[in-house]
Structures are given as structure tokens and as C-alpha cells.
Amino acid sequence: MPKFIGAQLWYHVKRRLHVFRLIAGHLLAVASNDGTVKMIEIGTSDVTILAGHDDAVQAVDFDLSGQFMVSGGSDGCLRIWA
């Protein structure tokens, strides 16, 4: 695992990590207190930020195919991402 990913995860653990999920061994979804989900591509360290919740994100999970992700937040909303 690249050092950048380790540093990024440590930052999230210290500051705002709630839940993370790994899909197909290469994509990590990190739920954050700031109302976003960070999608981290393992190997390239590319980060995509998914914004949509008005409060902390409490849960993330992928469907079995890995095509969709669901996030649930303290704002009472479920979001489906494709």
C-alpha cells in the first residue's frame, strides 16, 4: 500500500473517519464528519470527494456488483451514488 494512502487514512482516523469500505481491492470509501464521502483509488492515490449530506456521514457500503454505493448520514438521508 502506498505511503500516501497510509497518511491519508491516518488523517481521517485522527480527524473524521467513521467508516470505510474497500471494494474489489482498489477503491476505498471513507465516511467523514464533514458530510462527504472520500473515494480513494488504491495504487494511484486519486481522491474523489462526494458531497451531498448536510451532517456527518455515518455509513457507507457498496452493492455486490460494486456499481453503486450507499451513504447514510446524521442528516437522516440515504444517498445512492453511481
C-alpha atoms as a PDB file:
ATOM      1  CA  MET A   1       0.000   0.000   0.000  1.00  0.00           C
ATOM      2  CA  PRO A   2       1.478   3.409  -0.948  1.00  0.00           C
ATOM      3  CA  LYS A   3       2.638   5.647   1.875  1.00  0.00           C
ATOM      4  CA  PHE A   4       0.267   8.419   0.759  1.00  0.00           C
ATOM      5  CA  ILE A   5      -2.743   6.188   1.414  1.00  0.00           C
ATOM      6  CA  GLY A   6      -1.463   5.374   4.875  1.00  0.00           C
ATOM      7  CA  ALA A   7      -1.024   9.070   5.641  1.00  0.00           C
ATOM      8  CA  GLN A   8      -4.453   9.866   4.249  1.00  0.00           C
ATOM      9  CA  LEU A   9      -6.082   7.152   6.325  1.00  0.00           C
ATOM     10  CA  TRP A  10      -4.243   8.276   9.460  1.00  0.00           C
ATOM     11  CA  TYR A  11      -5.503  11.808   8.853  1.00  0.00           C
ATOM     12  CA  HIS A  12      -9.074  10.535   8.568  1.00  0.00           C
ATOM     13  CA  VAL A  13      -8.728   8.314  11.630  1.00  0.00           C
ATOM     14  CA  LYS A  14      -7.432  11.213  13.702  1.00  0.00           C
ATOM     15  CA  ARG A  15      -9.847  13.839  12.410  1.00  0.00           C
ATOM     16  CA  ARG A  16     -13.031  12.470  10.912  1.00  0.00           C
ATOM     17  CA  LEU A  17     -13.200   8.810  10.000  1.00  0.00           C
ATOM     18  CA  HIS A  18     -16.375   6.934  10.813  1.00  0.00           C
ATOM     19  CA  VAL A  19     -16.495   4.009   8.412  1.00  0.00           C
ATOM     20  CA  PHE A  20     -14.544   2.813   5.427  1.00  0.00           C
ATOM     21  CA  ARG A  21     -15.198   0.132   2.833  1.00  0.00           C
ATOM     22  CA  LEU A  22     -12.926  -1.456   0.263  1.00  0.00           C
ATOM     23  CA  ILE A  23     -14.413  -2.730  -2.990  1.00  0.00           C
ATOM     24  CA  ALA A  24     -12.626  -5.013  -5.460  1.00  0.00           C
ATOM     25  CA  GLY A  25      -9.336  -4.384  -3.658  1.00  0.00           C
ATOM     26  CA  HIS A  26      -8.773  -0.990  -5.249  1.00  0.00           C
ATOM     27  CA  LEU A  27     -11.401   1.549  -4.193  1.00  0.00           C
ATOM     28  CA  LEU A  28     -11.799   2.795  -0.629  1.00  0.00           C
ATOM     29  CA  ALA A  29     -14.857   4.759   0.530  1.00  0.00           C
ATOM     30  CA  VAL A  30     -14.331   6.875   3.653  1.00  0.00           C
ATOM     31  CA  ALA A  31     -17.311   8.400   5.500  1.00  0.00           C
ATOM     32  CA  SER A  32     -16.484  11.748   7.101  1.00  0.00           C
ATOM     33  CA  ASN A  33     -17.824  14.111   9.756  1.00  0.00           C
ATOM     34  CA  ASP A  34     -17.812  16.949   7.211  1.00  0.00           C
ATOM     35  CA  GLY A  35     -20.756  15.448   5.296  1.00  0.00           C
ATOM     36  CA  THR A  36     -18.670  13.996   2.473  1.00  0.00           C
ATOM     37  CA  VAL A  37     -17.520  10.589   1.305  1.00  0.00           C
ATOM     38  CA  LYS A  38     -13.939  10.359   0.073  1.00  0.00           C
ATOM     39  CA  MET A  39     -13.348   7.777  -2.656  1.00  0.00           C
ATOM     40  CA  ILE A  40      -9.661   6.818  -2.659  1.00  0.00           C
ATOM     41  CA  GLU A  41      -8.236   4.839  -5.562  1.00  0.00           C
ATOM     42  CA  ILE A  42      -5.645   2.460  -4.085  1.00  0.00           C
ATOM     43  CA  GLY A  43      -2.495   2.428  -6.176  1.00  0.00           C
ATOM     44  CA  THR A  44      -2.896   5.894  -7.703  1.00  0.00           C
ATOM     45  CA  SER A  45      -3.940   7.773  -4.531  1.00  0.00           C
ATOM     46  CA  ASP A  46      -6.558   9.704  -6.525  1.00  0.00           C
ATOM     47  CA  VAL A  47      -9.246  11.121  -4.235  1.00  0.00           C
ATOM     48  CA  THR A  48     -12.782  11.978  -5.345  1.00  0.00           C
ATOM     49  CA  ILE A  49     -14.976  13.860  -2.882  1.00  0.00           C
ATOM     50  CA  LEU A  50     -18.705  13.130  -2.918  1.00  0.00           C
ATOM     51  CA  ALA A  51     -20.667  15.924  -1.231  1.00  0.00           C
ATOM     52  CA  GLY A  52     -24.366  15.731  -0.521  1.00  0.00           C
ATOM     53  CA  HIS A  53     -25.047  15.235   3.176  1.00  0.00           C
ATOM     54  CA  ASP A  54     -25.826  18.142   5.497  1.00  0.00           C
ATOM     55  CA  ASP A  55     -24.220  16.460   8.513  1.00  0.00           C
ATOM     56  CA  ALA A  56     -21.732  13.697   9.334  1.00  0.00           C
ATOM     57  CA  VAL A  57     -21.781  10.572   7.164  1.00  0.00           C
ATOM     58  CA  GLN A  58     -22.268   7.552   9.430  1.00  0.00           C
ATOM     59  CA  ALA A  59     -22.200   4.625   6.988  1.00  0.00           C
ATOM     60  CA  VAL A  60     -21.066   3.627   3.514  1.00  0.00           C
ATOM     61  CA  ASP A  61     -21.481   0.373   1.626  1.00  0.00           C
ATOM     62  CA  PHE A  62     -21.297  -0.945  -1.931  1.00  0.00           C
ATOM     63  CA  ASP A  63     -23.750  -3.212  -3.718  1.00  0.00           C
ATOM     64  CA  LEU A  64     -22.461  -6.667  -4.659  1.00  0.00           C
ATOM     65  CA  SER A  65     -21.533  -5.590  -8.187  1.00  0.00           C
ATOM     66  CA  GLY A  66     -19.598  -2.551  -6.946  1.00  0.00           C
ATOM     67  CA  GLN A  67     -21.546  -0.338  -9.339  1.00  0.00           C
ATOM     68  CA  PHE A  68     -23.463   1.567  -6.650  1.00  0.00           C
ATOM     69  CA  MET A  69     -22.574   2.909  -3.224  1.00  0.00           C
ATOM     70  CA  VAL A  70     -24.987   3.973  -0.488  1.00  0.00           C
ATOM     71  CA  SER A  71     -24.134   6.503   2.200  1.00  0.00           C
ATOM     72  CA  GLY A  72     -26.177   7.321   5.285  1.00  0.00           C
ATOM     73  CA  GLY A  73     -25.781  10.440   7.354  1.00  0.00           C
ATOM     74  CA  SER A  74     -26.769  12.101  10.590  1.00  0.00           C
ATOM     75  CA  ASP A  75     -28.976  14.342   8.460  1.00  0.00           C
ATOM     76  CA  GLY A  76     -31.385  11.384   8.153  1.00  0.00           C
ATOM     77  CA  CYS A  77     -30.728  10.900   4.439  1.00  0.00           C
ATOM     78  CA  LEU A  78     -29.575   7.928   2.405  1.00  0.00           C
ATOM     79  CA  ARG A  79     -27.747   8.751  -0.802  1.00  0.00           C
ATOM     80  CA  ILE A  80     -27.221   6.323  -3.686  1.00  0.00           C
ATOM     81  CA  TRP A  81     -24.123   7.019  -5.758  1.00  0.00           C
ATOM     82  CA  ALA A  82     -23.331   5.538  -9.178  1.00  0.00           C
END
